[in-house]
């Protein structure tokens, strides 16, 4: 197996865009790739372009009826019967409105995640990153939460079908990874782990600790719903302990991780108050677990993240730097105030509506602590213990 990691990217993935006012903006992909390029961390030989997923792959997770609806609503001028049915398929909502070429563009996104799975399982690389993927909310018959096709679920179903793999899915998005969970809720060969803000206050309203799976899959759905305004220490305490226990109990063949980075304090669509620190530490733990349990097999995807200027490029770059054991990580340990490349800041500050952060990590010593920090931490500790109730020690 080759040691070099693979970065799957195509500028055309930025065409996955609902409208100019929508918070899901894939310009963040371009910002991330430019950041990595300007620091010399993205060699040409690491890059691969996504393929386009064929219908048979989409059918691993989605119904034929739903795929047909997506196709029809992708036309420049959809026919009236499909316009009338669009809401039933979750494709005429404020969150997930249909758009031209939707099927073509999203099939390309799915193909990127499938390519990542293939490269890892065929031994062509140990790690593969596809930041255009991670559309974890789409359901069998419905689009939801900015997601049309669920590339994460399709990649996992492919891993099961073609390689009979036991898959540990790790979801770090602040919104519960509901679509992936429901796809494999009764499957004992897929364990879904999701840390997220509690659904009491946030979309999609699911992901409570009692959602543990059903039938043969009972115990293989692990949810960590943290309190609003959770900070770094509490988030990482929950994440580390429960995930390590989950991996040791499940013993996966391969890890698929979703790296939504909307638990950051700057993100406008949630209420968690973490810093860039967690986006350095979470990939590091996943990387370690991949080598501990899976021979290094690790497929990583993008996900949410709606502060596309200040948060996403740094967070997603840190996933790639972790995958490649880049020396910058050691430099960050020695100097938490390590600056971002000046060339990147100069390139993008004129376009950014907010001041770009000058450093890789955030100056949390200057941040105002959350007033209810002690109570929030205590509640999260209780949730953590409940989440581990059926995990072997």
Protein backbone atom coordinates (compact mmCIF):
# COMPACT_ATOMS: atom_id res chain seq x y z
CA UNK A 1 0.00 0.00 0.00
CA UNK A 2 1.34 3.42 -0.92
CA UNK A 3 1.97 5.93 1.86
CA UNK A 4 1.04 9.06 -0.12
CA UNK A 5 -2.42 10.46 0.59
CA UNK A 6 -4.85 11.43 -2.20
CA UNK A 7 -6.73 14.73 -2.48
CA UNK A 8 -9.83 14.46 -4.67
CA UNK A 9 -10.93 17.78 -6.12
CA UNK A 10 -12.45 19.33 -9.21
CA UNK A 11 -13.17 23.08 -9.50
CA UNK A 12 -16.50 22.09 -11.08
CA UNK A 13 -17.67 20.81 -7.68
CA UNK A 14 -18.16 24.47 -6.80
CA UNK A 15 -21.18 24.32 -9.14
CA UNK A 16 -23.05 22.56 -6.31
CA UNK A 17 -24.82 25.76 -5.35
CA UNK A 18 -28.49 26.47 -4.77
CA UNK A 19 -28.59 30.25 -5.26
CA UNK A 20 -26.54 33.35 -4.53
CA UNK A 21 -28.15 33.95 -1.14
CA UNK A 22 -27.87 30.36 0.12
CA UNK A 23 -25.45 29.72 3.02
CA UNK A 24 -24.03 26.58 1.34
CA UNK A 25 -21.26 28.11 -0.75
CA UNK A 26 -18.60 25.88 -2.26
CA UNK A 27 -16.26 28.81 -2.80
CA UNK A 28 -14.85 27.45 0.46
CA UNK A 29 -13.33 24.60 -1.60
CA UNK A 30 -11.40 27.08 -3.73
CA UNK A 31 -10.25 28.99 -0.64
CA UNK A 32 -9.01 25.78 0.98
CA UNK A 33 -7.18 24.53 -2.10
CA UNK A 34 -5.54 27.93 -2.55
CA UNK A 35 -4.39 27.95 1.07
CA UNK A 36 -2.81 24.51 0.72
CA UNK A 37 -1.20 25.46 -2.58
CA UNK A 38 0.31 28.66 -1.22
CA UNK A 39 2.02 26.73 1.57
CA UNK A 40 3.25 24.06 -0.83
CA UNK A 41 1.23 21.30 0.83
CA UNK A 42 -0.71 20.05 -2.19
CA UNK A 43 1.63 18.42 -4.72
CA UNK A 44 0.32 17.73 -8.20
CA UNK A 45 0.77 13.97 -7.80
CA UNK A 46 -1.66 13.94 -4.84
CA UNK A 47 -4.55 15.37 -6.89
CA UNK A 48 -7.25 13.23 -8.49
CA UNK A 49 -10.47 14.36 -10.18
CA UNK A 50 -13.84 12.85 -9.19
CA UNK A 51 -15.60 10.44 -11.47
CA UNK A 52 -19.36 10.67 -12.05
CA UNK A 53 -21.43 8.09 -10.18
CA UNK A 54 -23.74 5.97 -12.31
CA UNK A 55 -27.37 5.32 -11.41
CA UNK A 56 -26.65 1.85 -10.02
CA UNK A 57 -24.46 3.43 -7.35
CA UNK A 58 -27.11 5.99 -6.41
CA UNK A 59 -29.60 3.12 -6.05
CA UNK A 60 -27.49 1.66 -3.25
CA UNK A 61 -29.12 4.27 -1.01
CA UNK A 62 -31.78 6.25 -2.91
CA UNK A 63 -35.01 5.04 -4.49
CA UNK A 64 -35.48 4.99 -8.25
CA UNK A 65 -38.45 7.31 -7.84
CA UNK A 66 -36.37 9.90 -5.99
CA UNK A 67 -33.52 9.76 -8.51
CA UNK A 68 -36.04 10.33 -11.31
CA UNK A 69 -37.39 13.36 -9.45
CA UNK A 70 -33.88 14.78 -9.10
CA UNK A 71 -33.26 14.23 -12.82
CA UNK A 72 -36.50 15.92 -13.85
CA UNK A 73 -36.01 18.89 -11.55
CA UNK A 74 -32.50 19.37 -12.92
CA UNK A 75 -33.87 20.52 -16.26
CA UNK A 76 -33.66 24.26 -17.05
CA UNK A 77 -37.47 24.35 -17.13
CA UNK A 78 -38.90 21.36 -15.21
CA UNK A 79 -42.31 20.07 -16.27
CA UNK A 80 -45.33 20.99 -14.16
CA UNK A 81 -46.04 17.54 -12.67
CA UNK A 82 -42.50 17.46 -11.24
CA UNK A 83 -42.72 21.04 -10.02
CA UNK A 84 -45.86 20.11 -8.12
CA UNK A 85 -44.14 17.06 -6.62
CA UNK A 86 -40.86 18.80 -5.74
CA UNK A 87 -41.84 19.60 -2.18
CA UNK A 88 -42.71 15.95 -1.53
CA UNK A 89 -39.12 15.04 -2.42
CA UNK A 90 -37.67 17.75 -0.18
CA UNK A 91 -36.47 19.74 -3.18
CA UNK A 92 -38.62 22.84 -2.95
CA UNK A 93 -37.69 24.09 0.48
CA UNK A 94 -35.68 27.08 1.62
CA UNK A 95 -32.87 24.73 2.68
CA UNK A 96 -32.77 22.46 -0.37
CA UNK A 97 -34.30 24.06 -3.48
CA UNK A 98 -33.81 22.34 -6.82
CA UNK A 99 -31.39 23.94 -9.27
CA UNK A 100 -30.29 23.39 -12.91
CA UNK A 101 -27.96 20.41 -13.53
CA UNK A 102 -28.58 19.26 -9.97
CA UNK A 103 -28.43 15.54 -10.84
CA UNK A 104 -25.29 15.87 -12.95
CA UNK A 105 -23.41 17.98 -10.41
CA UNK A 106 -24.40 15.93 -7.38
CA UNK A 107 -23.62 12.64 -9.15
CA UNK A 108 -20.13 14.05 -9.67
CA UNK A 109 -19.87 14.74 -5.93
CA UNK A 110 -20.96 11.17 -5.18
CA UNK A 111 -18.38 9.92 -7.66
CA UNK A 112 -15.64 11.72 -5.76
CA UNK A 113 -16.49 9.91 -2.54
CA UNK A 114 -16.73 6.58 -4.37
CA UNK A 115 -13.31 7.19 -5.91
CA UNK A 116 -11.89 7.86 -2.45
CA UNK A 117 -13.33 4.57 -1.22
CA UNK A 118 -11.95 2.64 -4.19
CA UNK A 119 -8.44 4.07 -3.93
CA UNK A 120 -8.22 3.22 -0.25
CA UNK A 121 -9.69 -0.28 -0.49
CA UNK A 122 -7.56 -1.21 -3.52
CA UNK A 123 -4.45 -0.24 -1.60
CA UNK A 124 -3.49 2.63 -3.88
CA UNK A 125 -3.38 4.95 -0.86
CA UNK A 126 -3.96 4.72 2.87
CA UNK A 127 -5.84 8.00 3.15
CA UNK A 128 -8.11 9.86 0.73
CA UNK A 129 -9.76 13.24 1.24
CA UNK A 130 -12.78 14.46 -0.74
CA UNK A 131 -13.85 17.81 0.66
CA UNK A 132 -16.62 18.22 -1.92
CA UNK A 133 -18.48 15.34 -0.26
CA UNK A 134 -20.07 14.86 3.13
CA UNK A 135 -23.71 15.55 2.15
CA UNK A 136 -24.98 13.58 5.12
CA UNK A 137 -28.63 14.71 5.47
CA UNK A 138 -30.15 13.33 2.26
CA UNK A 139 -32.58 10.46 2.86
CA UNK A 140 -33.72 7.57 0.67
CA UNK A 141 -36.65 9.47 -0.84
CA UNK A 142 -35.88 13.07 0.11
CA UNK A 143 -33.34 15.80 -0.11
CA UNK A 144 -32.76 17.68 3.14
CA UNK A 145 -30.41 20.07 4.89
CA UNK A 146 -28.61 21.32 1.75
CA UNK A 147 -28.07 17.71 0.59
CA UNK A 148 -29.48 16.12 -2.60
CA UNK A 149 -27.68 12.74 -2.80
CA UNK A 150 -26.04 11.25 0.28
CA UNK A 151 -22.53 10.56 -0.97
CA UNK A 152 -21.36 9.38 2.46
CA UNK A 153 -24.07 6.70 2.68
CA UNK A 154 -23.46 5.63 -0.92
CA UNK A 155 -19.72 5.26 -0.32
CA UNK A 156 -20.38 3.19 2.81
CA UNK A 157 -22.90 0.97 1.00
CA UNK A 158 -20.33 0.47 -1.76
CA UNK A 159 -17.66 -0.50 0.79
CA UNK A 160 -20.03 -3.08 2.24
CA UNK A 161 -21.17 -4.51 -1.07
CA UNK A 162 -17.83 -4.67 -2.89
CA UNK A 163 -15.42 -5.30 -0.01
CA UNK A 164 -17.60 -6.73 2.79
CA UNK A 165 -16.03 -4.09 5.01
CA UNK A 166 -17.02 -3.18 8.56
CA UNK A 167 -17.29 0.60 8.40
CA UNK A 168 -16.97 3.10 11.24
CA UNK A 169 -18.57 6.39 10.19
CA UNK A 170 -17.48 9.42 12.23
CA UNK A 171 -19.45 12.66 11.87
CA UNK A 172 -18.03 15.87 13.37
CA UNK A 173 -20.62 18.23 11.85
CA UNK A 174 -22.50 20.33 14.41
CA UNK A 175 -25.74 19.02 12.82
CA UNK A 176 -26.58 15.36 13.48
CA UNK A 177 -25.58 12.98 10.68
CA UNK A 178 -29.14 11.72 10.37
CA UNK A 179 -29.17 10.55 6.75
CA UNK A 180 -26.21 8.22 7.27
CA UNK A 181 -27.55 6.95 10.59
CA UNK A 182 -30.96 6.03 9.14
CA UNK A 183 -29.35 4.37 6.11
CA UNK A 184 -27.65 1.79 8.36
CA UNK A 185 -29.75 1.86 11.52
CA UNK A 186 -30.27 -1.91 11.60
CA UNK A 187 -26.92 -2.89 10.06
CA UNK A 188 -24.38 -4.51 12.43
CA UNK A 189 -21.55 -3.93 9.94
CA UNK A 190 -21.82 -0.14 10.00
CA UNK A 191 -21.30 1.85 13.17
CA UNK A 192 -22.31 5.52 12.99
CA UNK A 193 -20.80 7.95 15.49
CA UNK A 194 -22.00 11.56 15.54
CA UNK A 195 -21.05 14.43 17.85
CA UNK A 196 -23.32 17.43 17.35
CA UNK A 197 -25.32 20.16 19.03
CA UNK A 198 -28.42 18.71 20.66
CA UNK A 199 -31.42 18.44 18.37
CA UNK A 200 -33.53 20.20 20.99
CA UNK A 201 -32.45 23.45 19.41
CA UNK A 202 -30.93 22.64 16.04
CA UNK A 203 -31.73 20.98 12.70
CA UNK A 204 -32.43 18.12 12.06
CA UNK A 205 -33.86 17.60 15.55
CA UNK A 206 -32.53 14.04 15.85
CA UNK A 207 -29.41 12.43 17.29
CA UNK A 208 -30.45 11.83 20.88
CA UNK A 209 -28.52 9.29 22.94
CA UNK A 210 -31.45 6.79 22.86
CA UNK A 211 -31.05 6.46 19.07
CA UNK A 212 -28.80 3.40 19.35
CA UNK A 213 -29.84 1.36 16.31
CA UNK A 214 -32.40 -1.41 15.99
CA UNK A 215 -32.47 -5.16 15.47
CA UNK A 216 -29.02 -6.54 14.69
CA UNK A 217 -27.77 -2.96 14.51
CA UNK A 218 -28.62 -2.12 18.12
CA UNK A 219 -25.64 -0.55 19.83
CA UNK A 220 -24.01 0.50 16.56
CA UNK A 221 -25.49 3.98 16.45
CA UNK A 222 -23.62 6.24 18.87
CA UNK A 223 -24.77 9.82 19.40
CA UNK A 224 -23.18 12.60 21.43
CA UNK A 225 -25.59 15.57 21.53
CA UNK A 226 -23.73 18.38 23.33
CA UNK A 227 -25.23 21.51 24.84
CA UNK A 228 -25.34 24.88 23.09
CA UNK A 229 -22.26 27.02 23.87
CA UNK A 230 -20.08 23.98 24.48
CA UNK A 231 -16.39 24.94 24.34
CA UNK A 232 -13.21 23.14 23.31
CA UNK A 233 -12.37 21.24 26.50
CA UNK A 234 -15.84 19.75 26.94
CA UNK A 235 -16.27 18.96 23.22
CA UNK A 236 -12.93 17.15 23.05
CA UNK A 237 -13.45 15.27 26.32
CA UNK A 238 -16.69 13.84 24.94
CA UNK A 239 -15.29 13.18 21.47
CA UNK A 240 -12.09 11.44 22.55
CA UNK A 241 -13.43 9.14 25.22
CA UNK A 242 -16.55 7.99 23.40
CA UNK A 243 -14.91 7.61 19.99
CA UNK A 244 -11.97 5.61 21.34
CA UNK A 245 -14.40 3.31 23.16
CA UNK A 246 -16.56 3.02 20.04
CA UNK A 247 -13.64 2.04 17.82
CA UNK A 248 -12.34 -0.51 20.32
CA UNK A 249 -15.79 -2.08 20.62
CA UNK A 250 -16.62 -2.12 16.90
CA UNK A 251 -13.15 -2.90 15.45
CA UNK A 252 -13.67 -1.47 11.96
CA UNK A 253 -11.97 -2.41 8.71
CA UNK A 254 -12.12 1.17 7.41
CA UNK A 255 -13.07 4.62 8.71
CA UNK A 256 -15.22 7.10 6.79
CA UNK A 257 -15.25 10.51 8.45
CA UNK A 258 -17.32 13.62 7.74
CA UNK A 259 -15.59 16.91 8.62
CA UNK A 260 -18.30 19.50 8.94
CA UNK A 261 -16.66 22.46 10.68
CA UNK A 262 -19.71 24.37 11.85
CA UNK A 263 -19.19 23.82 15.59
CA UNK A 264 -16.87 26.82 15.51
CA UNK A 265 -17.89 29.91 17.47
CA UNK A 266 -17.97 31.99 14.26
CA UNK A 267 -20.43 29.73 12.43
CA UNK A 268 -23.77 31.50 11.87
CA UNK A 269 -26.00 28.38 11.79
CA UNK A 270 -25.34 26.84 15.22
CA UNK A 271 -24.69 27.72 18.85
CA UNK A 272 -21.57 25.75 19.81
CA UNK A 273 -18.59 27.87 20.84
CA UNK A 274 -15.49 25.90 19.88
CA UNK A 275 -12.27 27.19 18.34
CA UNK A 276 -9.93 25.95 15.63
CA UNK A 277 -8.28 23.75 18.24
CA UNK A 278 -10.89 21.00 17.83
CA UNK A 279 -10.29 20.95 14.06
CA UNK A 280 -6.65 20.22 14.74
CA UNK A 281 -7.28 17.58 17.42
CA UNK A 282 -10.22 15.63 15.93
CA UNK A 283 -8.45 14.62 12.69
CA UNK A 284 -5.40 13.66 14.74
CA UNK A 285 -7.45 11.19 16.78
CA UNK A 286 -9.20 9.78 13.71
CA UNK A 287 -5.80 9.36 12.04
CA UNK A 288 -4.51 7.45 15.06
CA UNK A 289 -7.58 5.21 15.19
CA UNK A 290 -7.30 4.43 11.47
CA UNK A 291 -3.79 3.11 12.02
CA UNK A 292 -4.74 1.33 15.25
CA UNK A 293 -7.74 -0.57 13.87
CA UNK A 294 -7.82 -0.32 10.06
CA UNK A 295 -4.28 -0.60 8.75
CA UNK A 296 -4.50 3.14 8.06
CA UNK A 297 -7.61 2.93 5.83
CA UNK A 298 -9.23 6.35 6.16
CA UNK A 299 -11.69 8.07 3.80
CA UNK A 300 -12.46 11.68 4.79
CA UNK A 301 -15.20 13.92 3.42
CA UNK A 302 -16.20 17.56 3.79
CA UNK A 303 -19.53 18.66 5.21
CA UNK A 304 -21.05 21.74 6.80
CA UNK A 305 -19.26 24.99 7.53
CA UNK A 306 -20.85 28.35 6.83
CA UNK A 307 -18.16 30.81 7.83
CA UNK A 308 -16.42 30.12 4.55
CA UNK A 309 -13.79 32.83 5.01
CA UNK A 310 -12.51 32.55 8.59
CA UNK A 311 -13.18 28.93 9.50
CA UNK A 312 -13.53 26.43 6.66
CA UNK A 313 -10.19 26.94 4.85
CA UNK A 314 -8.22 26.55 8.06
CA UNK A 315 -10.24 23.61 9.38
CA UNK A 316 -10.24 21.63 6.13
CA UNK A 317 -6.57 22.33 5.51
CA UNK A 318 -5.79 20.85 8.92
CA UNK A 319 -7.47 17.57 7.88
CA UNK A 320 -5.14 17.30 4.88
CA UNK A 321 -2.09 18.34 6.89
CA UNK A 322 -2.93 15.59 9.39
CA UNK A 323 -3.36 13.01 6.64
CA UNK A 324 0.05 13.85 5.24
CA UNK A 325 1.89 14.28 8.57
CA UNK A 326 2.85 17.77 7.48
CA UNK A 327 5.60 19.47 9.54
CA UNK A 328 3.33 22.45 10.19
CA UNK A 329 1.49 20.38 12.81
CA UNK A 330 4.64 20.08 14.91
CA UNK A 331 5.26 23.79 14.43
CA UNK A 332 1.76 24.47 15.78
CA UNK A 333 2.55 22.48 18.90
CA UNK A 334 5.59 24.66 19.47
CA UNK A 335 3.96 27.93 18.41
CA UNK A 336 0.12 28.15 18.68
CA UNK A 337 0.34 31.64 17.15
CA UNK A 338 1.82 30.36 13.90
CA UNK A 339 0.70 32.74 11.12
CA UNK A 340 -1.22 31.85 7.99
CA UNK A 341 0.61 32.44 4.68
CA UNK A 342 0.70 36.17 4.04
CA UNK A 343 0.18 35.56 0.31
CA UNK A 344 -3.14 33.83 1.02
CA UNK A 345 -4.32 36.62 3.30
CA UNK A 346 -3.35 39.27 0.75
CA UNK A 347 -5.13 37.36 -2.02
CA UNK A 348 -8.47 36.93 -0.27
CA UNK A 349 -8.83 39.79 2.24
CA UNK A 350 -10.05 42.23 -0.45
CA UNK A 351 -12.94 39.84 -1.24
CA UNK A 352 -13.78 38.82 2.32
CA UNK A 353 -16.61 40.70 4.05
CA UNK A 354 -14.91 40.03 7.41
CA UNK A 355 -11.35 40.38 8.65
CA UNK A 356 -9.45 37.17 8.02
CA UNK A 357 -7.70 35.60 11.01
CA UNK A 358 -3.91 36.01 10.83
CA UNK A 359 -3.07 32.70 12.53
CA UNK A 360 -3.90 29.00 12.09
CA UNK A 361 -5.36 28.70 15.60
CA UNK A 362 -7.64 31.12 17.41
CA UNK A 363 -6.51 33.35 20.33
CA UNK A 364 -8.96 31.74 22.76
CA UNK A 365 -7.20 33.35 25.72
CA UNK A 366 -8.77 36.60 24.49
CA UNK A 367 -12.26 35.14 24.07
CA UNK A 368 -14.94 35.76 26.71
CA UNK A 369 -15.69 32.47 28.55
CA UNK A 370 -19.25 31.21 28.32
CA UNK A 371 -21.20 32.28 31.45
CA UNK A 372 -22.65 28.78 32.03
CA UNK A 373 -19.43 26.88 31.32
CA UNK A 374 -19.59 24.76 34.50
CA UNK A 375 -23.23 23.74 33.94
CA UNK A 376 -22.69 23.02 30.25
CA UNK A 377 -19.64 20.88 30.97
CA UNK A 378 -21.50 18.95 33.68
CA UNK A 379 -24.44 18.21 31.35
CA UNK A 380 -22.08 17.05 28.62
CA UNK A 381 -20.35 14.68 31.05
CA UNK A 382 -23.70 13.04 31.80
CA UNK A 383 -24.42 12.71 28.07
CA UNK A 384 -20.96 11.21 27.52
CA UNK A 385 -21.56 8.51 30.14
CA UNK A 386 -24.98 7.67 28.72
CA UNK A 387 -23.56 7.42 25.20
CA UNK A 388 -21.05 4.81 26.37
CA UNK A 389 -23.63 2.72 28.20
CA UNK A 390 -23.56 -0.17 25.70
CA UNK A 391 -19.92 0.14 24.67
CA UNK A 392 -17.49 -2.43 26.05
CA UNK A 393 -14.74 -1.20 28.30
